[in-house]
Amino acid sequence: MPDPDLLIRTGGEKRISNFLLWQLAYSEMVFSDCLWPDFDREEFLSALSEYQMRERRYGALVSTG
């Protein structure tokens, strides 16, 4: 199974709690204030939209020149 590209954390927590610690090294993370029972299709699509707006660098440095 490949490492995840995206982690969505609900409930307003901004930590990963050692969940898949090594596998999440290059994953993007979206933190939602929505509680899990209320996390619906609209919230999911919002998280995907936020993920799509990001520039994935996979640990590479950004060139400034």
PDB file of N, CA and C in Angstrom:
ATOM      1  N   MET A   1       0.839  -1.171   0.000  1.00  0.00           N
ATOM      2  CA  MET A   1       0.000   0.000   0.000  1.00  0.00           C
ATOM      3  C   MET A   1       0.893   1.245   0.000  1.00  0.00           C
ATOM      4  N   PRO A   2       0.659   2.177  -0.913  1.00  0.00           N
ATOM      5  CA  PRO A   2       1.492   3.390  -0.969  1.00  0.00           C
ATOM      6  C   PRO A   2       1.202   4.322   0.204  1.00  0.00           C
ATOM      7  N   ASP A   3       2.153   5.184   0.487  1.00  0.00           N
ATOM      8  CA  ASP A   3       1.973   6.178   1.539  1.00  0.00           C
ATOM      9  C   ASP A   3       0.864   7.151   1.126  1.00  0.00           C
ATOM     10  N   PRO A   4       0.113   7.672   2.091  1.00  0.00           N
ATOM     11  CA  PRO A   4      -0.990   8.588   1.756  1.00  0.00           C
ATOM     12  C   PRO A   4      -0.481   9.929   1.222  1.00  0.00           C
ATOM     13  N   ASP A   5      -1.215  10.488   0.276  1.00  0.00           N
ATOM     14  CA  ASP A   5      -0.912  11.815  -0.251  1.00  0.00           C
ATOM     15  C   ASP A   5      -1.568  12.900   0.597  1.00  0.00           C
ATOM     16  N   LEU A   6      -2.661  12.540   1.266  1.00  0.00           N
ATOM     17  CA  LEU A   6      -3.438  13.526   2.017  1.00  0.00           C
ATOM     18  C   LEU A   6      -3.932  12.922   3.324  1.00  0.00           C
ATOM     19  N   LEU A   7      -3.776  13.674   4.412  1.00  0.00           N
ATOM     20  CA  LEU A   7      -4.363  13.330   5.698  1.00  0.00           C
ATOM     21  C   LEU A   7      -5.378  14.409   6.040  1.00  0.00           C
ATOM     22  N   ILE A   8      -6.598  14.009   6.337  1.00  0.00           N
ATOM     23  CA  ILE A   8      -7.627  14.951   6.772  1.00  0.00           C
ATOM     24  C   ILE A   8      -7.872  14.676   8.245  1.00  0.00           C
ATOM     25  N   ARG A   9      -7.646  15.690   9.077  1.00  0.00           N
ATOM     26  CA  ARG A   9      -7.849  15.550  10.524  1.00  0.00           C
ATOM     27  C   ARG A   9      -9.048  16.402  10.910  1.00  0.00           C
ATOM     28  N   THR A  10     -10.067  15.773  11.492  1.00  0.00           N
ATOM     29  CA  THR A  10     -11.279  16.484  11.880  1.00  0.00           C
ATOM     30  C   THR A  10     -11.237  16.859  13.356  1.00  0.00           C
ATOM     31  N   GLY A  11     -12.205  17.631  13.785  1.00  0.00           N
ATOM     32  CA  GLY A  11     -12.363  17.966  15.187  1.00  0.00           C
ATOM     33  C   GLY A  11     -11.518  19.125  15.675  1.00  0.00           C
ATOM     34  N   GLY A  12     -10.849  19.815  14.774  1.00  0.00           N
ATOM     35  CA  GLY A  12     -10.085  20.990  15.157  1.00  0.00           C
ATOM     36  C   GLY A  12      -8.695  20.703  15.714  1.00  0.00           C
ATOM     37  N   GLU A  13      -8.338  19.433  15.843  1.00  0.00           N
ATOM     38  CA  GLU A  13      -7.005  19.088  16.337  1.00  0.00           C
ATOM     39  C   GLU A  13      -5.964  19.349  15.248  1.00  0.00           C
ATOM     40  N   LYS A  14      -4.822  19.883  15.645  1.00  0.00           N
ATOM     41  CA  LYS A  14      -3.762  20.198  14.687  1.00  0.00           C
ATOM     42  C   LYS A  14      -2.513  19.379  15.004  1.00  0.00           C
ATOM     43  N   ARG A  15      -2.700  18.080  15.127  1.00  0.00           N
ATOM     44  CA  ARG A  15      -1.598  17.159  15.418  1.00  0.00           C
ATOM     45  C   ARG A  15      -1.923  15.812  14.787  1.00  0.00           C
ATOM     46  N   ILE A  16      -0.903  14.967  14.656  1.00  0.00           N
ATOM     47  CA  ILE A  16      -1.144  13.651  14.051  1.00  0.00           C
ATOM     48  C   ILE A  16      -1.106  12.524  15.066  1.00  0.00           C
ATOM     49  N   SER A  17      -0.729  12.792  16.287  1.00  0.00           N
ATOM     50  CA  SER A  17      -0.781  11.812  17.378  1.00  0.00           C
ATOM     51  C   SER A  17      -0.067  10.505  17.046  1.00  0.00           C
ATOM     52  N   ASN A  18       1.081  10.585  16.393  1.00  0.00           N
ATOM     53  CA  ASN A  18       1.870   9.411  16.015  1.00  0.00           C
ATOM     54  C   ASN A  18       1.143   8.458  15.072  1.00  0.00           C
ATOM     55  N   PHE A  19       0.083   8.911  14.434  1.00  0.00           N
ATOM     56  CA  PHE A  19      -0.652   8.092  13.474  1.00  0.00           C
ATOM     57  C   PHE A  19       0.111   8.072  12.156  1.00  0.00           C
ATOM     58  N   LEU A  20       0.550   6.906  11.726  1.00  0.00           N
ATOM     59  CA  LEU A  20       1.300   6.738  10.470  1.00  0.00           C
ATOM     60  C   LEU A  20       2.454   7.742  10.382  1.00  0.00           C
ATOM     61  N   LEU A  21       3.167   7.888  11.463  1.00  0.00           N
ATOM     62  CA  LEU A  21       4.189   8.925  11.579  1.00  0.00           C
ATOM     63  C   LEU A  21       5.175   8.931  10.413  1.00  0.00           C
ATOM     64  N   TRP A  22       5.751   7.789  10.078  1.00  0.00           N
ATOM     65  CA  TRP A  22       6.741   7.730   8.987  1.00  0.00           C
ATOM     66  C   TRP A  22       6.064   7.813   7.621  1.00  0.00           C
ATOM     67  N   GLN A  23       4.881   7.237   7.479  1.00  0.00           N
ATOM     68  CA  GLN A  23       4.191   7.228   6.195  1.00  0.00           C
ATOM     69  C   GLN A  23       3.693   8.622   5.799  1.00  0.00           C
ATOM     70  N   LEU A  24       3.494   9.491   6.770  1.00  0.00           N
ATOM     71  CA  LEU A  24       2.979  10.835   6.491  1.00  0.00           C
ATOM     72  C   LEU A  24       4.076  11.860   6.229  1.00  0.00           C
ATOM     73  N   ALA A  25       5.314  11.430   6.119  1.00  0.00           N
ATOM     74  CA  ALA A  25       6.436  12.355   5.981  1.00  0.00           C
ATOM     75  C   ALA A  25       6.262  13.343   4.829  1.00  0.00           C
ATOM     76  N   TYR A  26       5.753  12.908   3.697  1.00  0.00           N
ATOM     77  CA  TYR A  26       5.585  13.791   2.542  1.00  0.00           C
ATOM     78  C   TYR A  26       4.125  14.007   2.190  1.00  0.00           C
ATOM     79  N   SER A  27       3.235  13.695   3.113  1.00  0.00           N
ATOM     80  CA  SER A  27       1.802  13.872   2.880  1.00  0.00           C
ATOM     81  C   SER A  27       1.392  15.314   3.141  1.00  0.00           C
ATOM     82  N   GLU A  28       0.363  15.737   2.463  1.00  0.00           N
ATOM     83  CA  GLU A  28      -0.260  17.027   2.747  1.00  0.00           C
ATOM     84  C   GLU A  28      -1.292  16.794   3.841  1.00  0.00           C
ATOM     85  N   MET A  29      -1.500  17.777   4.700  1.00  0.00           N
ATOM     86  CA  MET A  29      -2.440  17.644   5.797  1.00  0.00           C
ATOM     87  C   MET A  29      -3.452  18.773   5.754  1.00  0.00           C
ATOM     88  N   VAL A  30      -4.711  18.403   5.908  1.00  0.00           N
ATOM     89  CA  VAL A  30      -5.799  19.367   5.984  1.00  0.00           C
ATOM     90  C   VAL A  30      -6.469  19.173   7.336  1.00  0.00           C
ATOM     91  N   PHE A  31      -6.599  20.250   8.089  1.00  0.00           N
ATOM     92  CA  PHE A  31      -7.209  20.190   9.410  1.00  0.00           C
ATOM     93  C   PHE A  31      -8.562  20.881   9.354  1.00  0.00           C
ATOM     94  N   SER A  32      -9.589  20.155   9.760  1.00  0.00           N
ATOM     95  CA  SER A  32     -10.958  20.665   9.704  1.00  0.00           C
ATOM     96  C   SER A  32     -11.504  20.818  11.121  1.00  0.00           C
ATOM     97  N   ASP A  33     -12.215  21.904  11.371  1.00  0.00           N
ATOM     98  CA  ASP A  33     -12.861  22.105  12.664  1.00  0.00           C
ATOM     99  C   ASP A  33     -14.130  21.264  12.797  1.00  0.00           C
ATOM    100  N   CYS A  34     -14.610  20.739  11.691  1.00  0.00           N
ATOM    101  CA  CYS A  34     -15.822  19.927  11.679  1.00  0.00           C
ATOM    102  C   CYS A  34     -15.591  18.618  12.448  1.00  0.00           C
ATOM    103  N   LEU A  35     -16.532  18.238  13.289  1.00  0.00           N
ATOM    104  CA  LEU A  35     -16.431  16.970  14.002  1.00  0.00           C
ATOM    105  C   LEU A  35     -16.720  15.807  13.055  1.00  0.00           C
ATOM    106  N   TRP A  36     -16.128  14.652  13.318  1.00  0.00           N
ATOM    107  CA  TRP A  36     -16.234  13.507  12.411  1.00  0.00           C
ATOM    108  C   TRP A  36     -17.676  13.131  12.058  1.00  0.00           C
ATOM    109  N   PRO A  37     -18.624  13.069  13.017  1.00  0.00           N
ATOM    110  CA  PRO A  37     -19.988  12.680  12.622  1.00  0.00           C
ATOM    111  C   PRO A  37     -20.630  13.658  11.640  1.00  0.00           C
ATOM    112  N   ASP A  38     -20.166  14.903  11.636  1.00  0.00           N
ATOM    113  CA  ASP A  38     -20.730  15.927  10.751  1.00  0.00           C
ATOM    114  C   ASP A  38     -19.923  16.091   9.461  1.00  0.00           C
ATOM    115  N   PHE A  39     -18.839  15.352   9.329  1.00  0.00           N
ATOM    116  CA  PHE A  39     -17.980  15.463   8.145  1.00  0.00           C
ATOM    117  C   PHE A  39     -18.695  14.796   6.972  1.00  0.00           C
ATOM    118  N   ASP A  40     -19.212  15.623   6.075  1.00  0.00           N
ATOM    119  CA  ASP A  40     -20.019  15.116   4.970  1.00  0.00           C
ATOM    120  C   ASP A  40     -19.315  15.335   3.630  1.00  0.00           C
ATOM    121  N   ARG A  41     -20.035  15.073   2.561  1.00  0.00           N
ATOM    122  CA  ARG A  41     -19.484  15.207   1.211  1.00  0.00           C
ATOM    123  C   ARG A  41     -18.960  16.624   0.954  1.00  0.00           C
ATOM    124  N   GLU A  42     -19.694  17.615   1.419  1.00  0.00           N
ATOM    125  CA  GLU A  42     -19.285  19.010   1.205  1.00  0.00           C
ATOM    126  C   GLU A  42     -17.957  19.306   1.902  1.00  0.00           C
ATOM    127  N   GLU A  43     -17.798  18.837   3.134  1.00  0.00           N
ATOM    128  CA  GLU A  43     -16.540  19.019   3.867  1.00  0.00           C
ATOM    129  C   GLU A  43     -15.396  18.286   3.161  1.00  0.00           C
ATOM    130  N   PHE A  44     -15.679  17.085   2.674  1.00  0.00           N
ATOM    131  CA  PHE A  44     -14.669  16.303   1.966  1.00  0.00           C
ATOM    132  C   PHE A  44     -14.218  17.015   0.696  1.00  0.00           C
ATOM    133  N   LEU A  45     -15.174  17.516  -0.076  1.00  0.00           N
ATOM    134  CA  LEU A  45     -14.831  18.232  -1.298  1.00  0.00           C
ATOM    135  C   LEU A  45     -14.056  19.511  -0.994  1.00  0.00           C
ATOM    136  N   SER A  46     -14.372  20.157   0.117  1.00  0.00           N
ATOM    137  CA  SER A  46     -13.630  21.348   0.537  1.00  0.00           C
ATOM    138  C   SER A  46     -12.173  20.988   0.850  1.00  0.00           C
ATOM    139  N   ALA A  47     -11.965  19.871   1.531  1.00  0.00           N
ATOM    140  CA  ALA A  47     -10.604  19.421   1.853  1.00  0.00           C
ATOM    141  C   ALA A  47      -9.845  19.076   0.573  1.00  0.00           C
ATOM    142  N   LEU A  48     -10.506  18.408  -0.365  1.00  0.00           N
ATOM    143  CA  LEU A  48      -9.865  18.079  -1.641  1.00  0.00           C
ATOM    144  C   LEU A  48      -9.510  19.334  -2.427  1.00  0.00           C
ATOM    145  N   SER A  49     -10.384  20.327  -2.391  1.00  0.00           N
ATOM    146  CA  SER A  49     -10.125  21.590  -3.080  1.00  0.00           C
ATOM    147  C   SER A  49      -8.894  22.280  -2.494  1.00  0.00           C
ATOM    148  N   GLU A  50      -8.792  22.292  -1.168  1.00  0.00           N
ATOM    149  CA  GLU A  50      -7.621  22.881  -0.515  1.00  0.00           C
ATOM    150  C   GLU A  50      -6.354  22.129  -0.909  1.00  0.00           C
ATOM    151  N   TYR A  51      -6.436  20.812  -0.955  1.00  0.00           N
ATOM    152  CA  TYR A  51      -5.298  19.965  -1.340  1.00  0.00           C
ATOM    153  C   TYR A  51      -4.856  20.261  -2.780  1.00  0.00           C
ATOM    154  N   GLN A  52      -5.811  20.428  -3.668  1.00  0.00           N
ATOM    155  CA  GLN A  52      -5.494  20.680  -5.075  1.00  0.00           C
ATOM    156  C   GLN A  52      -4.798  22.016  -5.292  1.00  0.00           C
ATOM    157  N   MET A  53      -4.995  22.970  -4.384  1.00  0.00           N
ATOM    158  CA  MET A  53      -4.392  24.294  -4.532  1.00  0.00           C
ATOM    159  C   MET A  53      -2.925  24.318  -4.105  1.00  0.00           C
ATOM    160  N   ARG A  54      -2.473  23.250  -3.476  1.00  0.00           N
ATOM    161  CA  ARG A  54      -1.106  23.227  -2.953  1.00  0.00           C
ATOM    162  C   ARG A  54      -0.096  22.785  -4.003  1.00  0.00           C
ATOM    163  N   GLU A  55       1.120  23.291  -3.849  1.00  0.00           N
ATOM    164  CA  GLU A  55       2.223  22.883  -4.722  1.00  0.00           C
ATOM    165  C   GLU A  55       3.011  21.801  -3.995  1.00  0.00           C
ATOM    166  N   ARG A  56       2.979  20.590  -4.520  1.00  0.00           N
ATOM    167  CA  ARG A  56       3.671  19.469  -3.882  1.00  0.00           C
ATOM    168  C   ARG A  56       5.144  19.524  -4.238  1.00  0.00           C
ATOM    169  N   ARG A  57       6.017  19.465  -3.211  1.00  0.00           N
ATOM    170  CA  ARG A  57       7.456  19.515  -3.444  1.00  0.00           C
ATOM    171  C   ARG A  57       8.166  18.259  -2.954  1.00  0.00           C
ATOM    172  N   TYR A  58       7.464  17.407  -2.219  1.00  0.00           N
ATOM    173  CA  TYR A  58       8.022  16.131  -1.746  1.00  0.00           C
ATOM    174  C   TYR A  58       9.355  16.309  -1.036  1.00  0.00           C
ATOM    175  N   GLY A  59       9.474  17.323  -0.214  1.00  0.00           N
ATOM    176  CA  GLY A  59      10.679  17.550   0.570  1.00  0.00           C
ATOM    177  C   GLY A  59      11.756  18.353  -0.123  1.00  0.00           C
ATOM    178  N   ALA A  60      11.564  18.704  -1.387  1.00  0.00           N
ATOM    179  CA  ALA A  60      12.566  19.476  -2.113  1.00  0.00           C
ATOM    180  C   ALA A  60      12.562  20.930  -1.633  1.00  0.00           C
ATOM    181  N   LEU A  61      13.705  21.567  -1.716  1.00  0.00           N
ATOM    182  CA  LEU A  61      13.795  22.974  -1.362  1.00  0.00           C
ATOM    183  C   LEU A  61      13.299  23.832  -2.504  1.00  0.00           C
ATOM    184  N   VAL A  62      12.776  24.985  -2.168  1.00  0.00           N
ATOM    185  CA  VAL A  62      12.302  25.929  -3.172  1.00  0.00           C
ATOM    186  C   VAL A  62      13.477  26.767  -3.631  1.00  0.00           C
ATOM    187  N   SER A  63      13.678  26.852  -4.925  1.00  0.00           N
ATOM    188  CA  SER A  63      14.796  27.681  -5.428  1.00  0.00           C
ATOM    189  C   SER A  63      14.378  29.139  -5.374  1.00  0.00           C
ATOM    190  N   THR A  64      15.297  29.997  -4.969  1.00  0.00           N
ATOM    191  CA  THR A  64      15.009  31.422  -4.850  1.00  0.00           C
ATOM    192  C   THR A  64      15.706  32.227  -5.945  1.00  0.00           C
ATOM    193  N   GLY A  65      16.321  31.533  -6.868  1.00  0.00           N
ATOM    194  CA  GLY A  65      17.069  32.278  -7.872  1.00  0.00           C
ATOM    195  C   GLY A  65      16.558  32.056  -9.197  1.00  0.00           C
TER     196      GLY A  65
END
